[in-house]
Amino acid sequence: AGIRQVLLNLLLNAAEAAGPAPTGTVRATLAAEGRQYRLSVDDNGPGFSAEAVARLGTPFFTTREGGTGLGLATSLRILADHTGDLAVDEAHRGGARVVVRLPAAGEAA
């Protein structure tokens, strides 16, 4: 259930940032990389500000009106419990890309 919550948080954040279809787009990509999996969630919204990247996962920090600032903080905790991690791909242009890495079953991160 925990990893599903992470995926839900990331997809909802991306969908809100991108805005409504057909101009707003979200793409999730899963790939095996050695002994781990890499999940990328991309959107074509405004991307992350430098402050948002620096405060990524800080409880109660949000850039969304009405947001709680707990989604990414919770996601980071869940991923840490699964020896995974989450990061913003700051080199990505044309929106935002969040990358999650998780070890394959039976592997340590």
C-alpha atoms as a PDB file:
ATOM      1  CA  ALA A   1       0.000   0.000   0.000  1.00  0.00           C
ATOM      2  CA  GLY A   2       2.892   2.392   0.713  1.00  0.00           C
ATOM      3  CA  ILE A   3       4.371   2.416  -2.771  1.00  0.00           C
ATOM      4  CA  ARG A   4       0.878   2.915  -4.227  1.00  0.00           C
ATOM      5  CA  GLN A   5       0.561   6.011  -2.029  1.00  0.00           C
ATOM      6  CA  VAL A   6       3.869   7.364  -3.366  1.00  0.00           C
ATOM      7  CA  LEU A   7       2.741   6.822  -6.954  1.00  0.00           C
ATOM      8  CA  LEU A   8      -0.634   8.438  -6.248  1.00  0.00           C
ATOM      9  CA  ASN A   9       1.035  11.473  -4.622  1.00  0.00           C
ATOM     10  CA  LEU A  10       3.421  11.940  -7.542  1.00  0.00           C
ATOM     11  CA  LEU A  11       0.761  11.526 -10.220  1.00  0.00           C
ATOM     12  CA  LEU A  12      -1.687  13.888  -8.504  1.00  0.00           C
ATOM     13  CA  ASN A  13       1.042  16.520  -8.034  1.00  0.00           C
ATOM     14  CA  ALA A  14       2.057  16.197 -11.688  1.00  0.00           C
ATOM     15  CA  ALA A  15      -1.539  16.374 -12.928  1.00  0.00           C
ATOM     16  CA  GLU A  16      -2.229  19.492 -10.906  1.00  0.00           C
ATOM     17  CA  ALA A  17       0.987  21.162 -12.086  1.00  0.00           C
ATOM     18  CA  ALA A  18       0.366  20.287 -15.738  1.00  0.00           C
ATOM     19  CA  GLY A  19      -3.243  21.418 -15.798  1.00  0.00           C
ATOM     20  CA  PRO A  20      -6.128  19.966 -17.777  1.00  0.00           C
ATOM     21  CA  ALA A  21      -5.766  17.896 -20.950  1.00  0.00           C
ATOM     22  CA  PRO A  22      -5.187  18.216 -23.811  1.00  0.00           C
ATOM     23  CA  THR A  23      -2.464  20.792 -23.102  1.00  0.00           C
ATOM     24  CA  GLY A  24      -1.482  19.393 -19.707  1.00  0.00           C
ATOM     25  CA  THR A  25       0.340  16.081 -19.909  1.00  0.00           C
ATOM     26  CA  VAL A  26       1.740  13.608 -17.402  1.00  0.00           C
ATOM     27  CA  ARG A  27       3.907  10.599 -18.216  1.00  0.00           C
ATOM     28  CA  ALA A  28       5.125   7.831 -15.933  1.00  0.00           C
ATOM     29  CA  THR A  29       7.974   5.580 -17.044  1.00  0.00           C
ATOM     30  CA  LEU A  30       9.284   2.503 -15.237  1.00  0.00           C
ATOM     31  CA  ALA A  31      12.619   0.916 -16.143  1.00  0.00           C
ATOM     32  CA  ALA A  32      14.909  -1.686 -14.644  1.00  0.00           C
ATOM     33  CA  GLU A  33      18.426  -0.379 -14.093  1.00  0.00           C
ATOM     34  CA  GLY A  34      20.742  -3.044 -12.804  1.00  0.00           C
ATOM     35  CA  ARG A  35      19.458  -4.185  -9.440  1.00  0.00           C
ATOM     36  CA  GLN A  36      16.939  -1.406  -9.024  1.00  0.00           C
ATOM     37  CA  TYR A  37      13.886   0.105 -10.623  1.00  0.00           C
ATOM     38  CA  ARG A  38      13.651   3.699 -11.786  1.00  0.00           C
ATOM     39  CA  LEU A  39      10.250   5.385 -11.960  1.00  0.00           C
ATOM     40  CA  SER A  40      10.079   8.795 -13.612  1.00  0.00           C
ATOM     41  CA  VAL A  41       7.003  11.001 -13.424  1.00  0.00           C
ATOM     42  CA  ASP A  42       7.124  13.879 -15.906  1.00  0.00           C
ATOM     43  CA  ASP A  43       4.710  16.753 -16.432  1.00  0.00           C
ATOM     44  CA  ASN A  44       4.708  19.813 -18.660  1.00  0.00           C
ATOM     45  CA  GLY A  45       3.805  22.256 -15.896  1.00  0.00           C
ATOM     46  CA  PRO A  46       5.996  25.119 -14.661  1.00  0.00           C
ATOM     47  CA  GLY A  47       8.609  22.874 -13.027  1.00  0.00           C
ATOM     48  CA  PHE A  48      10.158  23.259  -9.587  1.00  0.00           C
ATOM     49  CA  SER A  49      11.513  26.544  -8.286  1.00  0.00           C
ATOM     50  CA  ALA A  50      14.961  26.522  -6.685  1.00  0.00           C
ATOM     51  CA  GLU A  51      13.284  26.995  -3.283  1.00  0.00           C
ATOM     52  CA  ALA A  52      10.929  24.046  -3.876  1.00  0.00           C
ATOM     53  CA  VAL A  53      13.868  21.795  -4.800  1.00  0.00           C
ATOM     54  CA  ALA A  54      15.824  22.925  -1.728  1.00  0.00           C
ATOM     55  CA  ARG A  55      12.835  22.270   0.545  1.00  0.00           C
ATOM     56  CA  LEU A  56      11.713  19.048  -1.149  1.00  0.00           C
ATOM     57  CA  GLY A  57       9.947  16.870   1.395  1.00  0.00           C
ATOM     58  CA  THR A  58       9.886  19.482   4.156  1.00  0.00           C
ATOM     59  CA  PRO A  59       6.659  18.864   6.069  1.00  0.00           C
ATOM     60  CA  PHE A  60       4.043  21.607   5.608  1.00  0.00           C
ATOM     61  CA  PHE A  61       5.994  23.370   2.823  1.00  0.00           C
ATOM     62  CA  THR A  62       3.783  23.685  -0.229  1.00  0.00           C
ATOM     63  CA  THR A  63       3.523  25.827  -3.331  1.00  0.00           C
ATOM     64  CA  ARG A  64      -0.091  24.798  -3.954  1.00  0.00           C
ATOM     65  CA  GLU A  65      -2.977  26.856  -2.684  1.00  0.00           C
ATOM     66  CA  GLY A  66      -4.828  24.653  -0.221  1.00  0.00           C
ATOM     67  CA  GLY A  67      -1.996  22.079  -0.176  1.00  0.00           C
ATOM     68  CA  THR A  68      -0.906  20.475   3.089  1.00  0.00           C
ATOM     69  CA  GLY A  69       2.763  20.045   2.255  1.00  0.00           C
ATOM     70  CA  LEU A  70       2.658  16.439   3.437  1.00  0.00           C
ATOM     71  CA  GLY A  71       2.506  14.447   0.168  1.00  0.00           C
ATOM     72  CA  LEU A  72       6.202  14.467  -0.706  1.00  0.00           C
ATOM     73  CA  ALA A  73       7.265  14.299   2.948  1.00  0.00           C
ATOM     74  CA  THR A  74       5.145  11.164   3.360  1.00  0.00           C
ATOM     75  CA  SER A  75       6.440   9.762   0.074  1.00  0.00           C
ATOM     76  CA  LEU A  76      10.056  10.234   1.144  1.00  0.00           C
ATOM     77  CA  ARG A  77       9.390   8.426   4.434  1.00  0.00           C
ATOM     78  CA  ILE A  78       7.672   5.526   2.659  1.00  0.00           C
ATOM     79  CA  LEU A  79      10.522   5.226   0.161  1.00  0.00           C
ATOM     80  CA  ALA A  80      13.127   5.304   2.943  1.00  0.00           C
ATOM     81  CA  ASP A  81      11.246   2.441   4.612  1.00  0.00           C
ATOM     82  CA  HIS A  82      11.679   0.501   1.334  1.00  0.00           C
ATOM     83  CA  THR A  83      15.365   1.574   0.961  1.00  0.00           C
ATOM     84  CA  GLY A  84      14.441   3.765  -1.994  1.00  0.00           C
ATOM     85  CA  ASP A  85      14.783   7.450  -2.734  1.00  0.00           C
ATOM     86  CA  LEU A  86      13.164  10.313  -4.608  1.00  0.00           C
ATOM     87  CA  ALA A  87      14.765  13.270  -6.341  1.00  0.00           C
ATOM     88  CA  VAL A  88      13.926  16.071  -8.735  1.00  0.00           C
ATOM     89  CA  ASP A  89      15.766  15.865 -12.054  1.00  0.00           C
ATOM     90  CA  GLU A  90      16.921  19.479 -12.159  1.00  0.00           C
ATOM     91  CA  ALA A  91      18.352  19.073 -15.674  1.00  0.00           C
ATOM     92  CA  HIS A  92      14.887  18.263 -17.081  1.00  0.00           C
ATOM     93  CA  ARG A  93      13.378  21.141 -19.041  1.00  0.00           C
ATOM     94  CA  GLY A  94       9.823  21.761 -20.161  1.00  0.00           C
ATOM     95  CA  GLY A  95       8.131  20.891 -16.872  1.00  0.00           C
ATOM     96  CA  ALA A  96       9.128  18.725 -13.945  1.00  0.00           C
ATOM     97  CA  ARG A  97      10.587  15.245 -13.603  1.00  0.00           C
ATOM     98  CA  VAL A  98      10.581  13.385 -10.306  1.00  0.00           C
ATOM     99  CA  VAL A  99      12.641  10.211 -10.171  1.00  0.00           C
ATOM    100  CA  VAL A 100      12.058   7.381  -7.722  1.00  0.00           C
ATOM    101  CA  ARG A 101      14.573   4.583  -7.301  1.00  0.00           C
ATOM    102  CA  LEU A 102      13.711   1.335  -5.545  1.00  0.00           C
ATOM    103  CA  PRO A 103      15.772  -1.828  -5.149  1.00  0.00           C
ATOM    104  CA  ALA A 104      14.578  -4.944  -6.940  1.00  0.00           C
ATOM    105  CA  ALA A 105      13.035  -7.563  -4.648  1.00  0.00           C
ATOM    106  CA  GLY A 106      15.689  -9.048  -2.385  1.00  0.00           C
ATOM    107  CA  GLU A 107      18.241  -6.289  -3.142  1.00  0.00           C
ATOM    108  CA  ALA A 108      19.568  -3.576  -0.821  1.00  0.00           C
ATOM    109  CA  ALA A 109      19.733  -0.015  -2.110  1.00  0.00           C
END
